[in-house]
């Protein structure tokens, strides 16, 4: 198949279609979200100065205010296996995501899997931080093997700040000692008041094409939260968090905070056995 794909234009088109058909998207159920009222950390770090991007990218502006800018490449400080490829650098994109291989200035999501670069997106939407009332993207790399990117009280296109969103991404390397109940990748959302920019068909932060939450490998494969790109996504993730681990092949796997049904059954069986033993012991071997 690879040699055929190099021979003719028709074969190239055929192989491209075959690749698209083989792409898969896994849906992350909204029920996997865990209620919270805070970010992972309030230590936000430093302003992210953009280096390039699309409209009003604010490249070089120390204030970090921009529309469709991105910053990178930035060293991770560790090697990350993401969908089977090792990365040591990443890009921070103003529009609610980070990427590997290059920056992304796209502002209307077709889902994270629609991105042309591998992507991790806690809230891929049309963020616009040019209004003075909006926050700007922040980066904290103070802890080894961990990066934290925060979008604190950010507005939406076109320079709107009447409604603001606050969300955070935590990304950890293989050398990080992960506490129980957490994971390698964390999404945190607090107050989420908008989900669509004016250029994405929305008005007043709603309608049109809402934001997306999830992962993509740049080739159409990935994972997307159930409520992504649907009206109401801001309400779904409002005051919620979600942890993931990376499998041996670099694929994100949701960290379960609820025991599996089989585990619950074992717990109840154990408790029942303990109660029976205590009652039996008191009857056969009474304490003196």
C-alpha atoms as a PDB file:
ATOM      1  CA  UNK A   1       0.000   0.000   0.000  1.00  0.00           C
ATOM      2  CA  UNK A   2       2.757   2.582   0.816  1.00  0.00           C
ATOM      3  CA  UNK A   3       4.462   2.115  -2.579  1.00  0.00           C
ATOM      4  CA  UNK A   4       1.130   2.366  -4.392  1.00  0.00           C
ATOM      5  CA  UNK A   5       0.350   5.587  -2.546  1.00  0.00           C
ATOM      6  CA  UNK A   6       3.489   7.187  -4.006  1.00  0.00           C
ATOM      7  CA  UNK A   7       2.761   6.244  -7.627  1.00  0.00           C
ATOM      8  CA  UNK A   8      -0.333   8.078  -8.780  1.00  0.00           C
ATOM      9  CA  UNK A   9      -2.500  11.012  -7.768  1.00  0.00           C
ATOM     10  CA  UNK A  10      -5.563   8.733  -7.723  1.00  0.00           C
ATOM     11  CA  UNK A  11      -3.763   6.333  -5.395  1.00  0.00           C
ATOM     12  CA  UNK A  12      -2.837   9.228  -3.095  1.00  0.00           C
ATOM     13  CA  UNK A  13      -6.481  10.305  -2.915  1.00  0.00           C
ATOM     14  CA  UNK A  14      -7.535   6.704  -2.270  1.00  0.00           C
ATOM     15  CA  UNK A  15      -5.016   6.303   0.555  1.00  0.00           C
ATOM     16  CA  UNK A  16      -6.051   9.610   2.104  1.00  0.00           C
ATOM     17  CA  UNK A  17      -9.684   8.490   2.122  1.00  0.00           C
ATOM     18  CA  UNK A  18      -8.695   5.128   3.605  1.00  0.00           C
ATOM     19  CA  UNK A  19      -6.769   6.900   6.351  1.00  0.00           C
ATOM     20  CA  UNK A  20      -9.740   9.148   7.120  1.00  0.00           C
ATOM     21  CA  UNK A  21     -12.095   6.179   7.277  1.00  0.00           C
ATOM     22  CA  UNK A  22      -9.766   4.348   9.666  1.00  0.00           C
ATOM     23  CA  UNK A  23      -9.627   7.312  12.068  1.00  0.00           C
ATOM     24  CA  UNK A  24     -11.526   6.814  15.281  1.00  0.00           C
ATOM     25  CA  UNK A  25     -12.945   9.077  17.966  1.00  0.00           C
ATOM     26  CA  UNK A  26     -13.737   7.924  21.486  1.00  0.00           C
ATOM     27  CA  UNK A  27     -16.470   9.744  23.389  1.00  0.00           C
ATOM     28  CA  UNK A  28     -15.733  10.617  27.017  1.00  0.00           C
ATOM     29  CA  UNK A  29     -19.041  10.561  28.944  1.00  0.00           C
ATOM     30  CA  UNK A  30     -20.034  13.769  30.709  1.00  0.00           C
ATOM     31  CA  UNK A  31     -20.668  11.586  33.757  1.00  0.00           C
ATOM     32  CA  UNK A  32     -16.883  11.174  34.136  1.00  0.00           C
ATOM     33  CA  UNK A  33     -16.636  14.797  35.323  1.00  0.00           C
ATOM     34  CA  UNK A  34     -16.069  15.425  39.026  1.00  0.00           C
ATOM     35  CA  UNK A  35     -17.566  18.481  40.794  1.00  0.00           C
ATOM     36  CA  UNK A  36     -15.102  21.065  42.095  1.00  0.00           C
ATOM     37  CA  UNK A  37     -15.163  24.744  42.985  1.00  0.00           C
ATOM     38  CA  UNK A  38     -11.483  25.497  42.463  1.00  0.00           C
ATOM     39  CA  UNK A  39      -8.631  25.174  40.017  1.00  0.00           C
ATOM     40  CA  UNK A  40      -5.874  22.660  40.673  1.00  0.00           C
ATOM     41  CA  UNK A  41      -3.702  25.564  41.815  1.00  0.00           C
ATOM     42  CA  UNK A  42      -3.991  29.325  42.144  1.00  0.00           C
ATOM     43  CA  UNK A  43      -0.254  29.725  41.492  1.00  0.00           C
ATOM     44  CA  UNK A  44      -0.621  30.740  37.871  1.00  0.00           C
ATOM     45  CA  UNK A  45       3.004  31.590  37.075  1.00  0.00           C
ATOM     46  CA  UNK A  46       3.949  34.058  34.333  1.00  0.00           C
ATOM     47  CA  UNK A  47       2.181  35.733  31.429  1.00  0.00           C
ATOM     48  CA  UNK A  48       2.476  33.799  28.162  1.00  0.00           C
ATOM     49  CA  UNK A  49       3.968  36.093  25.521  1.00  0.00           C
ATOM     50  CA  UNK A  50       2.790  35.091  22.059  1.00  0.00           C
ATOM     51  CA  UNK A  51       5.294  34.437  19.272  1.00  0.00           C
ATOM     52  CA  UNK A  52       2.927  34.183  16.301  1.00  0.00           C
ATOM     53  CA  UNK A  53      -0.502  33.149  15.134  1.00  0.00           C
ATOM     54  CA  UNK A  54      -3.483  34.547  13.254  1.00  0.00           C
ATOM     55  CA  UNK A  55      -5.633  37.622  13.747  1.00  0.00           C
ATOM     56  CA  UNK A  56      -4.246  40.186  16.252  1.00  0.00           C
ATOM     57  CA  UNK A  57      -1.783  37.573  17.528  1.00  0.00           C
ATOM     58  CA  UNK A  58      -0.001  40.028  19.853  1.00  0.00           C
ATOM     59  CA  UNK A  59       3.400  38.538  19.016  1.00  0.00           C
ATOM     60  CA  UNK A  60       6.047  39.993  21.321  1.00  0.00           C
ATOM     61  CA  UNK A  61       3.582  41.983  23.440  1.00  0.00           C
ATOM     62  CA  UNK A  62       4.677  41.449  27.082  1.00  0.00           C
ATOM     63  CA  UNK A  63       1.092  41.987  28.271  1.00  0.00           C
ATOM     64  CA  UNK A  64       0.045  38.725  26.574  1.00  0.00           C
ATOM     65  CA  UNK A  65      -3.108  40.306  25.132  1.00  0.00           C
ATOM     66  CA  UNK A  66      -4.099  38.829  21.761  1.00  0.00           C
ATOM     67  CA  UNK A  67      -6.800  37.142  19.737  1.00  0.00           C
ATOM     68  CA  UNK A  68      -5.577  34.078  17.806  1.00  0.00           C
ATOM     69  CA  UNK A  69      -1.965  33.959  18.957  1.00  0.00           C
ATOM     70  CA  UNK A  70       0.249  31.092  20.030  1.00  0.00           C
ATOM     71  CA  UNK A  71       3.553  30.742  21.863  1.00  0.00           C
ATOM     72  CA  UNK A  72       6.268  28.205  21.151  1.00  0.00           C
ATOM     73  CA  UNK A  73       8.084  26.028  20.873  1.00  0.00           C
ATOM     74  CA  UNK A  74       8.374  25.733  24.660  1.00  0.00           C
ATOM     75  CA  UNK A  75      10.425  22.993  26.312  1.00  0.00           C
ATOM     76  CA  UNK A  76       8.338  20.517  28.274  1.00  0.00           C
ATOM     77  CA  UNK A  77      11.211  19.606  30.585  1.00  0.00           C
ATOM     78  CA  UNK A  78      10.419  15.934  30.000  1.00  0.00           C
ATOM     79  CA  UNK A  79       9.584  13.535  27.173  1.00  0.00           C
ATOM     80  CA  UNK A  80       5.874  12.941  26.615  1.00  0.00           C
ATOM     81  CA  UNK A  81       4.574   9.941  24.700  1.00  0.00           C
ATOM     82  CA  UNK A  82       1.324  11.225  23.179  1.00  0.00           C
ATOM     83  CA  UNK A  83      -0.518   8.892  20.790  1.00  0.00           C
ATOM     84  CA  UNK A  84       2.687   6.934  20.197  1.00  0.00           C
ATOM     85  CA  UNK A  85       4.984   9.864  19.392  1.00  0.00           C
ATOM     86  CA  UNK A  86       7.557  11.330  21.780  1.00  0.00           C
ATOM     87  CA  UNK A  87       7.519  15.104  22.268  1.00  0.00           C
ATOM     88  CA  UNK A  88       9.889  17.368  24.198  1.00  0.00           C
ATOM     89  CA  UNK A  89       8.337  20.702  23.150  1.00  0.00           C
ATOM     90  CA  UNK A  90       4.848  22.164  22.915  1.00  0.00           C
ATOM     91  CA  UNK A  91       2.915  25.259  21.863  1.00  0.00           C
ATOM     92  CA  UNK A  92       0.411  27.203  23.963  1.00  0.00           C
ATOM     93  CA  UNK A  93      -2.514  28.404  21.856  1.00  0.00           C
ATOM     94  CA  UNK A  94      -4.656  31.302  23.041  1.00  0.00           C
ATOM     95  CA  UNK A  95      -7.833  29.529  21.922  1.00  0.00           C
ATOM     96  CA  UNK A  96      -7.978  27.123  24.845  1.00  0.00           C
ATOM     97  CA  UNK A  97      -5.504  24.383  23.972  1.00  0.00           C
ATOM     98  CA  UNK A  98      -1.886  23.282  23.655  1.00  0.00           C
ATOM     99  CA  UNK A  99      -0.386  21.440  20.699  1.00  0.00           C
ATOM    100  CA  UNK A 100       2.672  19.490  19.583  1.00  0.00           C
ATOM    101  CA  UNK A 101       4.534  19.966  16.313  1.00  0.00           C
ATOM    102  CA  UNK A 102       3.325  23.520  15.714  1.00  0.00           C
ATOM    103  CA  UNK A 103       1.079  26.307  16.914  1.00  0.00           C
ATOM    104  CA  UNK A 104      -2.662  26.443  16.192  1.00  0.00           C
ATOM    105  CA  UNK A 105      -4.457  29.722  15.534  1.00  0.00           C
ATOM    106  CA  UNK A 106      -7.795  28.114  14.560  1.00  0.00           C
ATOM    107  CA  UNK A 107     -10.646  29.573  16.598  1.00  0.00           C
ATOM    108  CA  UNK A 108     -13.689  27.494  15.572  1.00  0.00           C
ATOM    109  CA  UNK A 109     -13.359  23.846  16.619  1.00  0.00           C
ATOM    110  CA  UNK A 110     -14.523  20.989  14.462  1.00  0.00           C
ATOM    111  CA  UNK A 111     -13.535  19.014  17.539  1.00  0.00           C
ATOM    112  CA  UNK A 112      -9.968  18.496  18.763  1.00  0.00           C
ATOM    113  CA  UNK A 113      -9.605  15.691  16.233  1.00  0.00           C
ATOM    114  CA  UNK A 114     -10.153  18.253  13.483  1.00  0.00           C
ATOM    115  CA  UNK A 115      -6.862  19.978  14.351  1.00  0.00           C
ATOM    116  CA  UNK A 116      -3.911  19.485  12.036  1.00  0.00           C
ATOM    117  CA  UNK A 117      -1.505  19.101  14.964  1.00  0.00           C
ATOM    118  CA  UNK A 118      -1.670  16.787  17.984  1.00  0.00           C
ATOM    119  CA  UNK A 119      -3.714  18.692  20.552  1.00  0.00           C
ATOM    120  CA  UNK A 120      -4.824  18.738  24.185  1.00  0.00           C
ATOM    121  CA  UNK A 121      -7.746  21.077  24.680  1.00  0.00           C
ATOM    122  CA  UNK A 122      -9.437  21.792  27.997  1.00  0.00           C
ATOM    123  CA  UNK A 123     -11.714  24.262  26.157  1.00  0.00           C
ATOM    124  CA  UNK A 124     -11.055  24.810  22.441  1.00  0.00           C
ATOM    125  CA  UNK A 125     -13.017  27.989  21.722  1.00  0.00           C
ATOM    126  CA  UNK A 126     -12.555  31.525  20.387  1.00  0.00           C
ATOM    127  CA  UNK A 127     -10.705  33.102  23.316  1.00  0.00           C
ATOM    128  CA  UNK A 128      -9.967  36.821  22.916  1.00  0.00           C
ATOM    129  CA  UNK A 129      -7.941  38.512  25.668  1.00  0.00           C
ATOM    130  CA  UNK A 130      -7.597  41.992  24.113  1.00  0.00           C
ATOM    131  CA  UNK A 131     -10.238  43.578  26.341  1.00  0.00           C
ATOM    132  CA  UNK A 132      -8.559  45.024  29.484  1.00  0.00           C
ATOM    133  CA  UNK A 133     -11.234  43.308  31.593  1.00  0.00           C
ATOM    134  CA  UNK A 134     -10.081  39.898  30.335  1.00  0.00           C
ATOM    135  CA  UNK A 135      -7.329  37.841  31.886  1.00  0.00           C
ATOM    136  CA  UNK A 136      -4.451  36.485  29.788  1.00  0.00           C
ATOM    137  CA  UNK A 137      -2.965  33.008  29.428  1.00  0.00           C
ATOM    138  CA  UNK A 138      -0.522  32.055  32.200  1.00  0.00           C
ATOM    139  CA  UNK A 139       2.173  29.350  32.489  1.00  0.00           C
ATOM    140  CA  UNK A 140       3.597  27.766  35.641  1.00  0.00           C
ATOM    141  CA  UNK A 141       6.658  25.496  35.299  1.00  0.00           C
ATOM    142  CA  UNK A 142       7.943  25.857  38.872  1.00  0.00           C
ATOM    143  CA  UNK A 143       7.539  22.145  39.704  1.00  0.00           C
ATOM    144  CA  UNK A 144       9.777  19.626  37.869  1.00  0.00           C
ATOM    145  CA  UNK A 145       7.968  17.294  35.455  1.00  0.00           C
ATOM    146  CA  UNK A 146       4.801  19.396  35.541  1.00  0.00           C
ATOM    147  CA  UNK A 147       3.444  22.276  33.491  1.00  0.00           C
ATOM    148  CA  UNK A 148       0.277  24.196  34.310  1.00  0.00           C
ATOM    149  CA  UNK A 149      -1.444  26.420  31.751  1.00  0.00           C
ATOM    150  CA  UNK A 150      -4.297  28.630  32.922  1.00  0.00           C
ATOM    151  CA  UNK A 151      -6.869  30.743  31.102  1.00  0.00           C
ATOM    152  CA  UNK A 152      -8.042  32.921  34.044  1.00  0.00           C
ATOM    153  CA  UNK A 153     -11.235  34.890  33.438  1.00  0.00           C
ATOM    154  CA  UNK A 154     -10.712  35.177  29.670  1.00  0.00           C
ATOM    155  CA  UNK A 155     -13.093  36.833  27.230  1.00  0.00           C
ATOM    156  CA  UNK A 156     -14.261  35.844  23.766  1.00  0.00           C
ATOM    157  CA  UNK A 157     -14.130  37.273  20.232  1.00  0.00           C
ATOM    158  CA  UNK A 158     -14.650  40.109  19.311  1.00  0.00           C
ATOM    159  CA  UNK A 159     -12.951  41.725  22.361  1.00  0.00           C
ATOM    160  CA  UNK A 160     -15.902  40.787  24.574  1.00  0.00           C
ATOM    161  CA  UNK A 161     -15.476  40.601  28.344  1.00  0.00           C
ATOM    162  CA  UNK A 162     -19.071  40.784  29.539  1.00  0.00           C
ATOM    163  CA  UNK A 163     -18.799  37.043  30.251  1.00  0.00           C
ATOM    164  CA  UNK A 164     -15.587  35.276  31.256  1.00  0.00           C
ATOM    165  CA  UNK A 165     -14.271  31.706  31.413  1.00  0.00           C
ATOM    166  CA  UNK A 166     -11.689  30.274  33.827  1.00  0.00           C
ATOM    167  CA  UNK A 167     -10.050  26.923  33.109  1.00  0.00           C
ATOM    168  CA  UNK A 168      -6.725  25.174  33.633  1.00  0.00           C
ATOM    169  CA  UNK A 169      -4.618  22.377  32.155  1.00  0.00           C
ATOM    170  CA  UNK A 170      -2.196  20.271  34.197  1.00  0.00           C
ATOM    171  CA  UNK A 171       0.335  18.142  32.279  1.00  0.00           C
ATOM    172  CA  UNK A 172       2.863  15.845  33.965  1.00  0.00           C
ATOM    173  CA  UNK A 173       5.866  13.926  32.738  1.00  0.00           C
ATOM    174  CA  UNK A 174       6.720  10.286  33.448  1.00  0.00           C
ATOM    175  CA  UNK A 175       8.991  11.311  36.353  1.00  0.00           C
ATOM    176  CA  UNK A 176       6.162  12.889  38.362  1.00  0.00           C
ATOM    177  CA  UNK A 177       4.927  10.995  41.418  1.00  0.00           C
ATOM    178  CA  UNK A 178       1.159  11.152  40.929  1.00  0.00           C
ATOM    179  CA  UNK A 179      -1.028  11.240  44.064  1.00  0.00           C
ATOM    180  CA  UNK A 180      -3.906   8.781  44.338  1.00  0.00           C
ATOM    181  CA  UNK A 181      -7.017   9.942  42.499  1.00  0.00           C
ATOM    182  CA  UNK A 182      -5.082  12.232  40.156  1.00  0.00           C
ATOM    183  CA  UNK A 183      -3.441  11.613  36.788  1.00  0.00           C
ATOM    184  CA  UNK A 184      -0.920  12.769  34.201  1.00  0.00           C
ATOM    185  CA  UNK A 185      -3.336  15.209  32.564  1.00  0.00           C
ATOM    186  CA  UNK A 186      -5.900  17.292  34.413  1.00  0.00           C
ATOM    187  CA  UNK A 187      -8.663  19.584  33.147  1.00  0.00           C
ATOM    188  CA  UNK A 188     -10.096  22.054  35.652  1.00  0.00           C
ATOM    189  CA  UNK A 189     -12.960  24.484  35.064  1.00  0.00           C
ATOM    190  CA  UNK A 190     -14.523  26.951  37.490  1.00  0.00           C
ATOM    191  CA  UNK A 191     -16.795  29.772  36.314  1.00  0.00           C
ATOM    192  CA  UNK A 192     -17.613  29.171  32.641  1.00  0.00           C
ATOM    193  CA  UNK A 193     -19.881  31.900  31.215  1.00  0.00           C
ATOM    194  CA  UNK A 194     -19.416  31.645  27.435  1.00  0.00           C
ATOM    195  CA  UNK A 195     -18.836  28.920  24.837  1.00  0.00           C
ATOM    196  CA  UNK A 196     -18.817  30.588  21.389  1.00  0.00           C
ATOM    197  CA  UNK A 197     -17.064  33.572  19.827  1.00  0.00           C
ATOM    198  CA  UNK A 198     -18.794  36.030  17.513  1.00  0.00           C
ATOM    199  CA  UNK A 199     -16.842  34.687  14.515  1.00  0.00           C
ATOM    200  CA  UNK A 200     -18.035  31.127  15.188  1.00  0.00           C
ATOM    201  CA  UNK A 201     -21.669  32.030  14.541  1.00  0.00           C
ATOM    202  CA  UNK A 202     -22.396  32.948  18.149  1.00  0.00           C
ATOM    203  CA  UNK A 203     -23.889  36.032  19.760  1.00  0.00           C
ATOM    204  CA  UNK A 204     -23.220  37.036  23.345  1.00  0.00           C
ATOM    205  CA  UNK A 205     -21.040  33.972  23.865  1.00  0.00           C
ATOM    206  CA  UNK A 206     -23.598  31.343  22.773  1.00  0.00           C
ATOM    207  CA  UNK A 207     -24.976  29.699  19.635  1.00  0.00           C
ATOM    208  CA  UNK A 208     -23.065  28.829  16.485  1.00  0.00           C
ATOM    209  CA  UNK A 209     -20.243  26.323  17.054  1.00  0.00           C
ATOM    210  CA  UNK A 210     -19.534  25.925  20.788  1.00  0.00           C
ATOM    211  CA  UNK A 211     -16.184  24.925  22.262  1.00  0.00           C
ATOM    212  CA  UNK A 212     -14.694  21.422  22.315  1.00  0.00           C
ATOM    213  CA  UNK A 213     -12.970  19.469  25.075  1.00  0.00           C
ATOM    214  CA  UNK A 214     -10.601  16.574  24.481  1.00  0.00           C
ATOM    215  CA  UNK A 215      -7.586  15.227  22.608  1.00  0.00           C
ATOM    216  CA  UNK A 216      -6.479  14.576  19.041  1.00  0.00           C
ATOM    217  CA  UNK A 217      -3.431  13.108  17.309  1.00  0.00           C
ATOM    218  CA  UNK A 218      -3.639  15.451  14.292  1.00  0.00           C
ATOM    219  CA  UNK A 219      -4.763  12.582  12.048  1.00  0.00           C
ATOM    220  CA  UNK A 220      -8.407  12.386  13.068  1.00  0.00           C
ATOM    221  CA  UNK A 221      -7.987  10.029  16.017  1.00  0.00           C
ATOM    222  CA  UNK A 222      -8.772  11.185  19.513  1.00  0.00           C
ATOM    223  CA  UNK A 223     -11.127  11.552  22.412  1.00  0.00           C
ATOM    224  CA  UNK A 224     -13.838  14.176  22.841  1.00  0.00           C
ATOM    225  CA  UNK A 225     -16.064  14.960  25.812  1.00  0.00           C
ATOM    226  CA  UNK A 226     -19.669  13.993  25.118  1.00  0.00           C
ATOM    227  CA  UNK A 227     -20.943  17.585  25.360  1.00  0.00           C
ATOM    228  CA  UNK A 228     -18.294  19.049  23.034  1.00  0.00           C
ATOM    229  CA  UNK A 229     -19.434  21.306  20.190  1.00  0.00           C
ATOM    230  CA  UNK A 230     -22.987  21.261  21.501  1.00  0.00           C
ATOM    231  CA  UNK A 231     -24.991  24.062  23.051  1.00  0.00           C
ATOM    232  CA  UNK A 232     -24.562  24.014  26.800  1.00  0.00           C
ATOM    233  CA  UNK A 233     -20.944  22.796  26.982  1.00  0.00           C
ATOM    234  CA  UNK A 234     -20.043  25.733  29.252  1.00  0.00           C
ATOM    235  CA  UNK A 235     -22.667  24.605  31.749  1.00  0.00           C
ATOM    236  CA  UNK A 236     -21.563  20.971  31.514  1.00  0.00           C
ATOM    237  CA  UNK A 237     -17.973  21.724  32.563  1.00  0.00           C
ATOM    238  CA  UNK A 238     -18.765  24.608  34.934  1.00  0.00           C
ATOM    239  CA  UNK A 239     -17.200  23.811  38.352  1.00  0.00           C
ATOM    240  CA  UNK A 240     -15.898  20.413  37.246  1.00  0.00           C
ATOM    241  CA  UNK A 241     -12.572  18.630  36.799  1.00  0.00           C
ATOM    242  CA  UNK A 242     -11.338  15.540  34.974  1.00  0.00           C
ATOM    243  CA  UNK A 243      -8.095  13.547  35.253  1.00  0.00           C
ATOM    244  CA  UNK A 244      -6.471  11.301  32.651  1.00  0.00           C
ATOM    245  CA  UNK A 245      -3.514   8.931  32.508  1.00  0.00           C
ATOM    246  CA  UNK A 246      -1.602   7.996  29.374  1.00  0.00           C
ATOM    247  CA  UNK A 247      -1.540   4.352  28.369  1.00  0.00           C
ATOM    248  CA  UNK A 248       1.593   2.540  27.186  1.00  0.00           C
ATOM    249  CA  UNK A 249       0.730   3.691  23.667  1.00  0.00           C
ATOM    250  CA  UNK A 250       0.287   7.331  24.724  1.00  0.00           C
ATOM    251  CA  UNK A 251      -3.510   7.279  24.526  1.00  0.00           C
ATOM    252  CA  UNK A 252      -5.378   9.217  27.265  1.00  0.00           C
ATOM    253  CA  UNK A 253      -7.430   7.085  29.655  1.00  0.00           C
ATOM    254  CA  UNK A 254      -9.910   8.621  32.092  1.00  0.00           C
ATOM    255  CA  UNK A 255      -8.973   8.228  35.753  1.00  0.00           C
ATOM    256  CA  UNK A 256     -12.012   6.694  37.434  1.00  0.00           C
ATOM    257  CA  UNK A 257     -13.070   8.216  40.751  1.00  0.00           C
ATOM    258  CA  UNK A 258     -15.861   5.641  41.187  1.00  0.00           C
ATOM    259  CA  UNK A 259     -15.111   1.992  42.097  1.00  0.00           C
ATOM    260  CA  UNK A 260     -15.963  -0.544  39.414  1.00  0.00           C
ATOM    261  CA  UNK A 261     -19.202  -2.521  40.094  1.00  0.00           C
ATOM    262  CA  UNK A 262     -17.177  -5.693  40.696  1.00  0.00           C
ATOM    263  CA  UNK A 263     -15.015  -3.876  43.261  1.00  0.00           C
ATOM    264  CA  UNK A 264     -18.101  -2.564  45.037  1.00  0.00           C
ATOM    265  CA  UNK A 265     -19.514  -6.098  45.158  1.00  0.00           C
ATOM    266  CA  UNK A 266     -16.275  -7.368  46.698  1.00  0.00           C
ATOM    267  CA  UNK A 267     -16.398  -4.644  49.352  1.00  0.00           C
ATOM    268  CA  UNK A 268     -19.966  -5.544  50.328  1.00  0.00           C
ATOM    269  CA  UNK A 269     -19.105  -9.253  50.317  1.00  0.00           C
ATOM    270  CA  UNK A 270     -16.158  -8.566  52.573  1.00  0.00           C
ATOM    271  CA  UNK A 271     -18.277  -6.541  54.983  1.00  0.00           C
ATOM    272  CA  UNK A 272     -20.931  -9.260  55.066  1.00  0.00           C
ATOM    273  CA  UNK A 273     -18.272 -11.870  55.772  1.00  0.00           C
ATOM    274  CA  UNK A 274     -16.803  -9.775  58.577  1.00  0.00           C
ATOM    275  CA  UNK A 275     -20.197  -9.313  60.235  1.00  0.00           C
ATOM    276  CA  UNK A 276     -20.899 -13.048  59.979  1.00  0.00           C
ATOM    277  CA  UNK A 277     -17.513 -13.897  61.487  1.00  0.00           C
ATOM    278  CA  UNK A 278     -18.010 -11.508  64.411  1.00  0.00           C
ATOM    279  CA  UNK A 279     -21.461 -12.896  65.172  1.00  0.00           C
ATOM    280  CA  UNK A 280     -20.263 -16.499  64.854  1.00  0.00           C
ATOM    281  CA  UNK A 281     -17.241 -15.817  67.069  1.00  0.00           C
ATOM    282  CA  UNK A 282     -19.409 -14.320  69.811  1.00  0.00           C
ATOM    283  CA  UNK A 283     -21.635 -17.401  69.834  1.00  0.00           C
ATOM    284  CA  UNK A 284     -18.934 -20.081  69.731  1.00  0.00           C
ATOM    285  CA  UNK A 285     -16.102 -18.357  71.568  1.00  0.00           C
ATOM    286  CA  UNK A 286     -17.655 -15.832  73.987  1.00  0.00           C
ATOM    287  CA  UNK A 287     -15.261 -13.358  75.474  1.00  0.00           C
ATOM    288  CA  UNK A 288     -14.465 -14.029  79.137  1.00  0.00           C
END
